[in-house]
Structures are given as structure tokens and as C-alpha cells.
Amino acid sequence: MNKSELINEVARKTGLSRREAEAGVQAMLDLIAKELAKGGKVTLTGFGTFDVGKRKARSGVNPRTGSAIKIPASKMPRFKPSRTVRNKVR
């Protein structure tokens, strides 16, 4: 399911117009991204938690040349599903 299909399903299930559903979905995604950019986390009870993980600096290998390179530390958004969601996927 892509974003457009998600918006259509939200509109169908809620009785909202497609435009209203799109505004709601986009607002939710923007708020999650904004909170993660601040270094916070978003917990949706019964669904999961979005947070920011930290990766340490490490060494790697350039696949083209085979030479060693240093990969700097970075932050990555991550998602941990709730037990309810994990059980539905199994």
C-alpha cells in the first residue's frame, strides 16, 4: 500500500472527502517527522513507537576501490512495532 492508497482507505473508512483524508494523513506524517527532527519520540499505543537511533562512527570498505574508509556517526529514524502489530504480522 502506498500513500495514495492509504489516503483512499482513510477517506473510505471515515467518510471524509479524499482531500480531508489527505490533509489528515499528511499532518500526522509531518508531526511525526518534526518530533523526530527534534530528537524526540512518538508513541502510538497499540501501534508502535517512532524514535531516533544513533549509529557510531565505524570503518568500512569502498566497494569500487577496496580501500578503507571512515563512516561518520549518524542518526537514523526507526520504528518499533507494538506487540499487537507484531502478532498480526505473524
PDB file of N, CA and C in Angstrom:
ATOM      1  N   MET A   1       0.853  -1.169   0.000  1.00  0.00           N
ATOM      2  CA  MET A   1       0.000   0.000   0.000  1.00  0.00           C
ATOM      3  C   MET A   1       0.899   1.232   0.000  1.00  0.00           C
ATOM      4  N   ASN A   2       0.631   2.144  -0.917  1.00  0.00           N
ATOM      5  CA  ASN A   2       1.393   3.381  -0.941  1.00  0.00           C
ATOM      6  C   ASN A   2       0.567   4.505  -0.285  1.00  0.00           C
ATOM      7  N   LYS A   3       1.119   5.700  -0.263  1.00  0.00           N
ATOM      8  CA  LYS A   3       0.471   6.820   0.424  1.00  0.00           C
ATOM      9  C   LYS A   3      -0.898   7.132  -0.168  1.00  0.00           C
ATOM     10  N   SER A   4      -1.018   7.120  -1.473  1.00  0.00           N
ATOM     11  CA  SER A   4      -2.283   7.418  -2.134  1.00  0.00           C
ATOM     12  C   SER A   4      -3.351   6.389  -1.767  1.00  0.00           C
ATOM     13  N   GLU A   5      -2.961   5.122  -1.745  1.00  0.00           N
ATOM     14  CA  GLU A   5      -3.906   4.072  -1.364  1.00  0.00           C
ATOM     15  C   GLU A   5      -4.309   4.201   0.099  1.00  0.00           C
ATOM     16  N   LEU A   6      -3.356   4.585   0.951  1.00  0.00           N
ATOM     17  CA  LEU A   6      -3.662   4.815   2.366  1.00  0.00           C
ATOM     18  C   LEU A   6      -4.680   5.937   2.521  1.00  0.00           C
ATOM     19  N   ILE A   7      -4.493   7.022   1.801  1.00  0.00           N
ATOM     20  CA  ILE A   7      -5.413   8.163   1.861  1.00  0.00           C
ATOM     21  C   ILE A   7      -6.807   7.729   1.407  1.00  0.00           C
ATOM     22  N   ASN A   8      -6.876   6.970   0.336  1.00  0.00           N
ATOM     23  CA  ASN A   8      -8.178   6.496  -0.148  1.00  0.00           C
ATOM     24  C   ASN A   8      -8.872   5.622   0.885  1.00  0.00           C
ATOM     25  N   GLU A   9      -8.132   4.740   1.555  1.00  0.00           N
ATOM     26  CA  GLU A   9      -8.718   3.879   2.584  1.00  0.00           C
ATOM     27  C   GLU A   9      -9.184   4.685   3.793  1.00  0.00           C
ATOM     28  N   VAL A  10      -8.401   5.675   4.203  1.00  0.00           N
ATOM     29  CA  VAL A  10      -8.805   6.532   5.325  1.00  0.00           C
ATOM     30  C   VAL A  10     -10.086   7.269   4.967  1.00  0.00           C
ATOM     31  N   ALA A  11     -10.166   7.792   3.759  1.00  0.00           N
ATOM     32  CA  ALA A  11     -11.372   8.503   3.314  1.00  0.00           C
ATOM     33  C   ALA A  11     -12.570   7.561   3.300  1.00  0.00           C
ATOM     34  N   ARG A  12     -12.378   6.353   2.815  1.00  0.00           N
ATOM     35  CA  ARG A  12     -13.480   5.391   2.735  1.00  0.00           C
ATOM     36  C   ARG A  12     -13.961   4.973   4.121  1.00  0.00           C
ATOM     37  N   LYS A  13     -13.036   4.691   5.028  1.00  0.00           N
ATOM     38  CA  LYS A  13     -13.414   4.207   6.354  1.00  0.00           C
ATOM     39  C   LYS A  13     -13.986   5.300   7.248  1.00  0.00           C
ATOM     40  N   THR A  14     -13.576   6.551   7.052  1.00  0.00           N
ATOM     41  CA  THR A  14     -14.028   7.630   7.933  1.00  0.00           C
ATOM     42  C   THR A  14     -15.194   8.425   7.360  1.00  0.00           C
ATOM     43  N   GLY A  15     -15.433   8.301   6.055  1.00  0.00           N
ATOM     44  CA  GLY A  15     -16.485   9.090   5.431  1.00  0.00           C
ATOM     45  C   GLY A  15     -16.039  10.507   5.101  1.00  0.00           C
ATOM     46  N   LEU A  16     -14.752  10.783   5.269  1.00  0.00           N
ATOM     47  CA  LEU A  16     -14.214  12.098   4.910  1.00  0.00           C
ATOM     48  C   LEU A  16     -14.007  12.165   3.402  1.00  0.00           C
ATOM     49  N   SER A  17     -13.895  13.375   2.896  1.00  0.00           N
ATOM     50  CA  SER A  17     -13.545  13.513   1.485  1.00  0.00           C
ATOM     51  C   SER A  17     -12.075  13.116   1.324  1.00  0.00           C
ATOM     52  N   ARG A  18     -11.687  12.825   0.103  1.00  0.00           N
ATOM     53  CA  ARG A  18     -10.294  12.448  -0.140  1.00  0.00           C
ATOM     54  C   ARG A  18      -9.355  13.589   0.246  1.00  0.00           C
ATOM     55  N   ARG A  19      -9.746  14.804  -0.020  1.00  0.00           N
ATOM     56  CA  ARG A  19      -8.924  15.974   0.313  1.00  0.00           C
ATOM     57  C   ARG A  19      -8.743  16.098   1.827  1.00  0.00           C
ATOM     58  N   GLU A  20      -9.818  15.878   2.590  1.00  0.00           N
ATOM     59  CA  GLU A  20      -9.730  15.952   4.056  1.00  0.00           C
ATOM     60  C   GLU A  20      -8.861  14.823   4.601  1.00  0.00           C
ATOM     61  N   ALA A  21      -9.027  13.633   4.054  1.00  0.00           N
ATOM     62  CA  ALA A  21      -8.217  12.494   4.488  1.00  0.00           C
ATOM     63  C   ALA A  21      -6.741  12.732   4.173  1.00  0.00           C
ATOM     64  N   GLU A  22      -6.470  13.287   3.003  1.00  0.00           N
ATOM     65  CA  GLU A  22      -5.090  13.581   2.625  1.00  0.00           C
ATOM     66  C   GLU A  22      -4.478  14.596   3.582  1.00  0.00           C
ATOM     67  N   ALA A  23      -5.240  15.618   3.946  1.00  0.00           N
ATOM     68  CA  ALA A  23      -4.745  16.637   4.882  1.00  0.00           C
ATOM     69  C   ALA A  23      -4.445  16.002   6.236  1.00  0.00           C
ATOM     70  N   GLY A  24      -5.297  15.096   6.692  1.00  0.00           N
ATOM     71  CA  GLY A  24      -5.087  14.440   7.974  1.00  0.00           C
ATOM     72  C   GLY A  24      -3.868  13.538   7.983  1.00  0.00           C
ATOM     73  N   VAL A  25      -3.726  12.729   6.944  1.00  0.00           N
ATOM     74  CA  VAL A  25      -2.575  11.828   6.844  1.00  0.00           C
ATOM     75  C   VAL A  25      -1.286  12.638   6.744  1.00  0.00           C
ATOM     76  N   GLN A  26      -1.280  13.672   5.923  1.00  0.00           N
ATOM     77  CA  GLN A  26      -0.074  14.489   5.756  1.00  0.00           C
ATOM     78  C   GLN A  26       0.281  15.212   7.050  1.00  0.00           C
ATOM     79  N   ALA A  27      -0.735  15.702   7.772  1.00  0.00           N
ATOM     80  CA  ALA A  27      -0.482  16.387   9.043  1.00  0.00           C
ATOM     81  C   ALA A  27       0.167  15.427  10.036  1.00  0.00           C
ATOM     82  N   MET A  28      -0.329  14.193  10.097  1.00  0.00           N
ATOM     83  CA  MET A  28       0.238  13.201  11.013  1.00  0.00           C
ATOM     84  C   MET A  28       1.693  12.901  10.651  1.00  0.00           C
ATOM     85  N   LEU A  29       1.972  12.685   9.379  1.00  0.00           N
ATOM     86  CA  LEU A  29       3.334  12.389   8.950  1.00  0.00           C
ATOM     87  C   LEU A  29       4.273  13.567   9.228  1.00  0.00           C
ATOM     88  N   ASP A  30       3.789  14.789   8.987  1.00  0.00           N
ATOM     89  CA  ASP A  30       4.605  15.976   9.248  1.00  0.00           C
ATOM     90  C   ASP A  30       4.921  16.119  10.736  1.00  0.00           C
ATOM     91  N   LEU A  31       3.935  15.856  11.588  1.00  0.00           N
ATOM     92  CA  LEU A  31       4.142  15.967  13.033  1.00  0.00           C
ATOM     93  C   LEU A  31       5.132  14.926  13.536  1.00  0.00           C
ATOM     94  N   ILE A  32       5.043  13.706  13.025  1.00  0.00           N
ATOM     95  CA  ILE A  32       5.999  12.667  13.420  1.00  0.00           C
ATOM     96  C   ILE A  32       7.403  13.062  12.987  1.00  0.00           C
ATOM     97  N   ALA A  33       7.555  13.513  11.748  1.00  0.00           N
ATOM     98  CA  ALA A  33       8.873  13.908  11.239  1.00  0.00           C
ATOM     99  C   ALA A  33       9.438  15.088  12.033  1.00  0.00           C
ATOM    100  N   LYS A  34       8.588  16.038  12.391  1.00  0.00           N
ATOM    101  CA  LYS A  34       9.037  17.211  13.149  1.00  0.00           C
ATOM    102  C   LYS A  34       9.533  16.802  14.535  1.00  0.00           C
ATOM    103  N   GLU A  35       8.806  15.911  15.181  1.00  0.00           N
ATOM    104  CA  GLU A  35       9.209  15.453  16.509  1.00  0.00           C
ATOM    105  C   GLU A  35      10.520  14.670  16.446  1.00  0.00           C
ATOM    106  N   LEU A  36      10.680  13.830  15.434  1.00  0.00           N
ATOM    107  CA  LEU A  36      11.923  13.077  15.284  1.00  0.00           C
ATOM    108  C   LEU A  36      13.100  14.008  14.989  1.00  0.00           C
ATOM    109  N   ALA A  37      12.853  15.064  14.217  1.00  0.00           N
ATOM    110  CA  ALA A  37      13.917  16.019  13.897  1.00  0.00           C
ATOM    111  C   ALA A  37      14.417  16.719  15.160  1.00  0.00           C
ATOM    112  N   LYS A  38      13.538  16.873  16.145  1.00  0.00           N
ATOM    113  CA  LYS A  38      13.923  17.482  17.422  1.00  0.00           C
ATOM    114  C   LYS A  38      14.616  16.477  18.338  1.00  0.00           C
ATOM    115  N   GLY A  39      14.660  15.220  17.926  1.00  0.00           N
ATOM    116  CA  GLY A  39      15.288  14.191  18.744  1.00  0.00           C
ATOM    117  C   GLY A  39      14.309  13.492  19.675  1.00  0.00           C
ATOM    118  N   GLY A  40      13.027  13.774  19.535  1.00  0.00           N
ATOM    119  CA  GLY A  40      12.019  13.174  20.398  1.00  0.00           C
ATOM    120  C   GLY A  40      11.544  11.839  19.874  1.00  0.00           C
ATOM    121  N   LYS A  41      10.484  11.335  20.516  1.00  0.00           N
ATOM    122  CA  LYS A  41       9.901  10.089  20.052  1.00  0.00           C
ATOM    123  C   LYS A  41       8.386  10.208  20.088  1.00  0.00           C
ATOM    124  N   VAL A  42       7.737   9.411  19.245  1.00  0.00           N
ATOM    125  CA  VAL A  42       6.283   9.416  19.138  1.00  0.00           C
ATOM    126  C   VAL A  42       5.806   7.993  19.403  1.00  0.00           C
ATOM    127  N   THR A  43       4.951   7.844  20.421  1.00  0.00           N
ATOM    128  CA  THR A  43       4.409   6.534  20.756  1.00  0.00           C
ATOM    129  C   THR A  43       2.921   6.513  20.442  1.00  0.00           C
ATOM    130  N   LEU A  44       2.520   5.590  19.592  1.00  0.00           N
ATOM    131  CA  LEU A  44       1.116   5.384  19.267  1.00  0.00           C
ATOM    132  C   LEU A  44       0.711   4.065  19.910  1.00  0.00           C
ATOM    133  N   THR A  45       0.036   4.150  21.048  1.00  0.00           N
ATOM    134  CA  THR A  45      -0.324   2.967  21.814  1.00  0.00           C
ATOM    135  C   THR A  45      -1.094   1.983  20.938  1.00  0.00           C
ATOM    136  N   GLY A  46      -0.676   0.743  20.966  1.00  0.00           N
ATOM    137  CA  GLY A  46      -1.302  -0.290  20.162  1.00  0.00           C
ATOM    138  C   GLY A  46      -0.774  -0.369  18.747  1.00  0.00           C
ATOM    139  N   PHE A  47       0.118   0.538  18.364  1.00  0.00           N
ATOM    140  CA  PHE A  47       0.692   0.519  17.016  1.00  0.00           C
ATOM    141  C   PHE A  47       2.210   0.408  17.069  1.00  0.00           C
ATOM    142  N   GLY A  48       2.873   1.335  17.770  1.00  0.00           N
ATOM    143  CA  GLY A  48       4.326   1.283  17.871  1.00  0.00           C
ATOM    144  C   GLY A  48       4.929   2.614  18.239  1.00  0.00           C
ATOM    145  N   THR A  49       6.257   2.653  18.210  1.00  0.00           N
ATOM    146  CA  THR A  49       6.999   3.839  18.607  1.00  0.00           C
ATOM    147  C   THR A  49       7.987   4.237  17.520  1.00  0.00           C
ATOM    148  N   PHE A  50       7.973   5.506  17.182  1.00  0.00           N
ATOM    149  CA  PHE A  50       8.955   6.093  16.272  1.00  0.00           C
ATOM    150  C   PHE A  50       9.976   6.813  17.142  1.00  0.00           C
ATOM    151  N   ASP A  51      11.262   6.586  16.893  1.00  0.00           N
ATOM    152  CA  ASP A  51      12.284   7.318  17.615  1.00  0.00           C
ATOM    153  C   ASP A  51      13.528   7.454  16.749  1.00  0.00           C
ATOM    154  N   VAL A  52      14.561   8.066  17.333  1.00  0.00           N
ATOM    155  CA  VAL A  52      15.796   8.310  16.600  1.00  0.00           C
ATOM    156  C   VAL A  52      16.888   7.434  17.197  1.00  0.00           C
ATOM    157  N   GLY A  53      17.512   6.622  16.362  1.00  0.00           N
ATOM    158  CA  GLY A  53      18.618   5.780  16.794  1.00  0.00           C
ATOM    159  C   GLY A  53      19.935   6.423  16.400  1.00  0.00           C
ATOM    160  N   LYS A  54      20.958   6.155  17.186  1.00  0.00           N
ATOM    161  CA  LYS A  54      22.278   6.716  16.905  1.00  0.00           C
ATOM    162  C   LYS A  54      23.206   5.607  16.437  1.00  0.00           C
ATOM    163  N   ARG A  55      23.913   5.877  15.350  1.00  0.00           N
ATOM    164  CA  ARG A  55      24.909   4.938  14.836  1.00  0.00           C
ATOM    165  C   ARG A  55      26.287   5.482  15.165  1.00  0.00           C
ATOM    166  N   LYS A  56      27.149   4.641  15.667  1.00  0.00           N
ATOM    167  CA  LYS A  56      28.507   5.053  15.983  1.00  0.00           C
ATOM    168  C   LYS A  56      29.318   5.172  14.703  1.00  0.00           C
ATOM    169  N   ALA A  57      30.389   5.957  14.775  1.00  0.00           N
ATOM    170  CA  ALA A  57      31.326   6.037  13.654  1.00  0.00           C
ATOM    171  C   ALA A  57      31.981   4.672  13.498  1.00  0.00           C
ATOM    172  N   ARG A  58      32.240   4.283  12.272  1.00  0.00           N
ATOM    173  CA  ARG A  58      32.818   2.966  12.035  1.00  0.00           C
ATOM    174  C   ARG A  58      33.668   2.998  10.765  1.00  0.00           C
ATOM    175  N   SER A  59      34.412   1.957  10.564  1.00  0.00           N
ATOM    176  CA  SER A  59      35.217   1.869   9.336  1.00  0.00           C
ATOM    177  C   SER A  59      34.509   0.941   8.365  1.00  0.00           C
ATOM    178  N   GLY A  60      34.714   1.187   7.084  1.00  0.00           N
ATOM    179  CA  GLY A  60      34.106   0.391   6.036  1.00  0.00           C
ATOM    180  C   GLY A  60      35.057   0.254   4.871  1.00  0.00           C
ATOM    181  N   VAL A  61      34.566  -0.330   3.789  1.00  0.00           N
ATOM    182  CA  VAL A  61      35.387  -0.546   2.604  1.00  0.00           C
ATOM    183  C   VAL A  61      34.664   0.036   1.402  1.00  0.00           C
ATOM    184  N   ASN A  62      35.374   0.852   0.623  1.00  0.00           N
ATOM    185  CA  ASN A  62      34.835   1.380  -0.619  1.00  0.00           C
ATOM    186  C   ASN A  62      34.726   0.219  -1.604  1.00  0.00           C
ATOM    187  N   PRO A  63      33.497  -0.115  -2.073  1.00  0.00           N
ATOM    188  CA  PRO A  63      33.362  -1.279  -2.947  1.00  0.00           C
ATOM    189  C   PRO A  63      34.032  -1.116  -4.312  1.00  0.00           C
ATOM    190  N   ARG A  64      34.204   0.103  -4.767  1.00  0.00           N
ATOM    191  CA  ARG A  64      34.857   0.324  -6.073  1.00  0.00           C
ATOM    192  C   ARG A  64      36.362   0.123  -6.007  1.00  0.00           C
ATOM    193  N   THR A  65      36.972   0.685  -4.963  1.00  0.00           N
ATOM    194  CA  THR A  65      38.433   0.664  -4.895  1.00  0.00           C
ATOM    195  C   THR A  65      38.978  -0.356  -3.902  1.00  0.00           C
ATOM    196  N   GLY A  66      38.147  -0.775  -2.959  1.00  0.00           N
ATOM    197  CA  GLY A  66      38.607  -1.714  -1.944  1.00  0.00           C
ATOM    198  C   GLY A  66      39.362  -1.044  -0.816  1.00  0.00           C
ATOM    199  N   SER A  67      39.483   0.288  -0.863  1.00  0.00           N
ATOM    200  CA  SER A  67      40.222   0.997   0.180  1.00  0.00           C
ATOM    201  C   SER A  67      39.344   1.201   1.419  1.00  0.00           C
ATOM    202  N   ALA A  68      39.993   1.306   2.553  1.00  0.00           N
ATOM    203  CA  ALA A  68      39.284   1.524   3.821  1.00  0.00           C
ATOM    204  C   ALA A  68      38.799   2.973   3.889  1.00  0.00           C
ATOM    205  N   ILE A  69      37.599   3.151   4.404  1.00  0.00           N
ATOM    206  CA  ILE A  69      37.047   4.496   4.595  1.00  0.00           C
ATOM    207  C   ILE A  69      36.471   4.587   6.002  1.00  0.00           C
ATOM    208  N   LYS A  70      36.347   5.817   6.488  1.00  0.00           N
ATOM    209  CA  LYS A  70      35.732   6.056   7.783  1.00  0.00           C
ATOM    210  C   LYS A  70      34.310   6.545   7.547  1.00  0.00           C
ATOM    211  N   ILE A  71      33.352   5.881   8.163  1.00  0.00           N
ATOM    212  CA  ILE A  71      31.947   6.270   8.059  1.00  0.00           C
ATOM    213  C   ILE A  71      31.612   7.047   9.319  1.00  0.00           C
ATOM    214  N   PRO A  72      31.170   8.309   9.186  1.00  0.00           N
ATOM    215  CA  PRO A  72      30.915   9.123  10.375  1.00  0.00           C
ATOM    216  C   PRO A  72      29.675   8.661  11.148  1.00  0.00           C
ATOM    217  N   ALA A  73      29.586   9.077  12.391  1.00  0.00           N
ATOM    218  CA  ALA A  73      28.410   8.800  13.214  1.00  0.00           C
ATOM    219  C   ALA A  73      27.203   9.479  12.588  1.00  0.00           C
ATOM    220  N   SER A  74      26.029   8.877  12.779  1.00  0.00           N
ATOM    221  CA  SER A  74      24.821   9.456  12.201  1.00  0.00           C
ATOM    222  C   SER A  74      23.610   9.097  13.049  1.00  0.00           C
ATOM    223  N   LYS A  75      22.503   9.739  12.762  1.00  0.00           N
ATOM    224  CA  LYS A  75      21.229   9.456  13.406  1.00  0.00           C
ATOM    225  C   LYS A  75      20.276   8.907  12.349  1.00  0.00           C
ATOM    226  N   MET A  76      19.474   7.927  12.741  1.00  0.00           N
ATOM    227  CA  MET A  76      18.530   7.319  11.811  1.00  0.00           C
ATOM    228  C   MET A  76      17.164   7.198  12.474  1.00  0.00           C
ATOM    229  N   PRO A  77      16.093   7.547  11.748  1.00  0.00           N
ATOM    230  CA  PRO A  77      14.770   7.296  12.318  1.00  0.00           C
ATOM    231  C   PRO A  77      14.515   5.793  12.339  1.00  0.00           C
ATOM    232  N   ARG A  78      13.804   5.338  13.361  1.00  0.00           N
ATOM    233  CA  ARG A  78      13.479   3.923  13.423  1.00  0.00           C
ATOM    234  C   ARG A  78      12.079   3.742  14.000  1.00  0.00           C
ATOM    235  N   PHE A  79      11.536   2.563  13.772  1.00  0.00           N
ATOM    236  CA  PHE A  79      10.188   2.244  14.227  1.00  0.00           C
ATOM    237  C   PHE A  79      10.201   0.905  14.928  1.00  0.00           C
ATOM    238  N   LYS A  80       9.600   0.857  16.102  1.00  0.00           N
ATOM    239  CA  LYS A  80       9.472  -0.402  16.830  1.00  0.00           C
ATOM    240  C   LYS A  80       7.983  -0.701  16.961  1.00  0.00           C
ATOM    241  N   PRO A  81       7.505  -1.744  16.289  1.00  0.00           N
ATOM    242  CA  PRO A  81       6.073  -2.052  16.350  1.00  0.00           C
ATOM    243  C   PRO A  81       5.661  -2.565  17.725  1.00  0.00           C
ATOM    244  N   SER A  82       4.408  -2.336  18.061  1.00  0.00           N
ATOM    245  CA  SER A  82       3.887  -2.845  19.331  1.00  0.00           C
ATOM    246  C   SER A  82       3.698  -4.354  19.234  1.00  0.00           C
ATOM    247  N   ARG A  83       3.497  -4.984  20.366  1.00  0.00           N
ATOM    248  CA  ARG A  83       3.266  -6.426  20.387  1.00  0.00           C
ATOM    249  C   ARG A  83       2.028  -6.774  19.580  1.00  0.00           C
ATOM    250  N   THR A  84       0.997  -5.935  19.651  1.00  0.00           N
ATOM    251  CA  THR A  84      -0.243  -6.173  18.895  1.00  0.00           C
ATOM    252  C   THR A  84       0.025  -6.232  17.399  1.00  0.00           C
ATOM    253  N   VAL A  85       0.795  -5.285  16.895  1.00  0.00           N
ATOM    254  CA  VAL A  85       1.110  -5.251  15.462  1.00  0.00           C
ATOM    255  C   VAL A  85       1.984  -6.444  15.093  1.00  0.00           C
ATOM    256  N   ARG A  86       2.976  -6.754  15.914  1.00  0.00           N
ATOM    257  CA  ARG A  86       3.852  -7.898  15.637  1.00  0.00           C
ATOM    258  C   ARG A  86       3.052  -9.188  15.545  1.00  0.00           C
ATOM    259  N   ASN A  87       2.084  -9.368  16.437  1.00  0.00           N
ATOM    260  CA  ASN A  87       1.276 -10.581  16.424  1.00  0.00           C
ATOM    261  C   ASN A  87       0.360 -10.667  15.203  1.00  0.00           C
ATOM    262  N   LYS A  88      -0.098  -9.535  14.693  1.00  0.00           N
ATOM    263  CA  LYS A  88      -0.924  -9.536  13.496  1.00  0.00           C
ATOM    264  C   LYS A  88      -0.129  -9.910  12.260  1.00  0.00           C
ATOM    265  N   VAL A  89       1.154  -9.584  12.248  1.00  0.00           N
ATOM    266  CA  VAL A  89       2.010  -9.862  11.098  1.00  0.00           C
ATOM    267  C   VAL A  89       2.412 -11.337  11.067  1.00  0.00           C
ATOM    268  N   ARG A  90       2.533 -11.952  12.209  1.00  0.00           N
ATOM    269  CA  ARG A  90       2.978 -13.358  12.276  1.00  0.00           C
ATOM    270  C   ARG A  90       2.023 -14.273  11.648  1.00  0.00           C
TER     271      ARG A  90
END
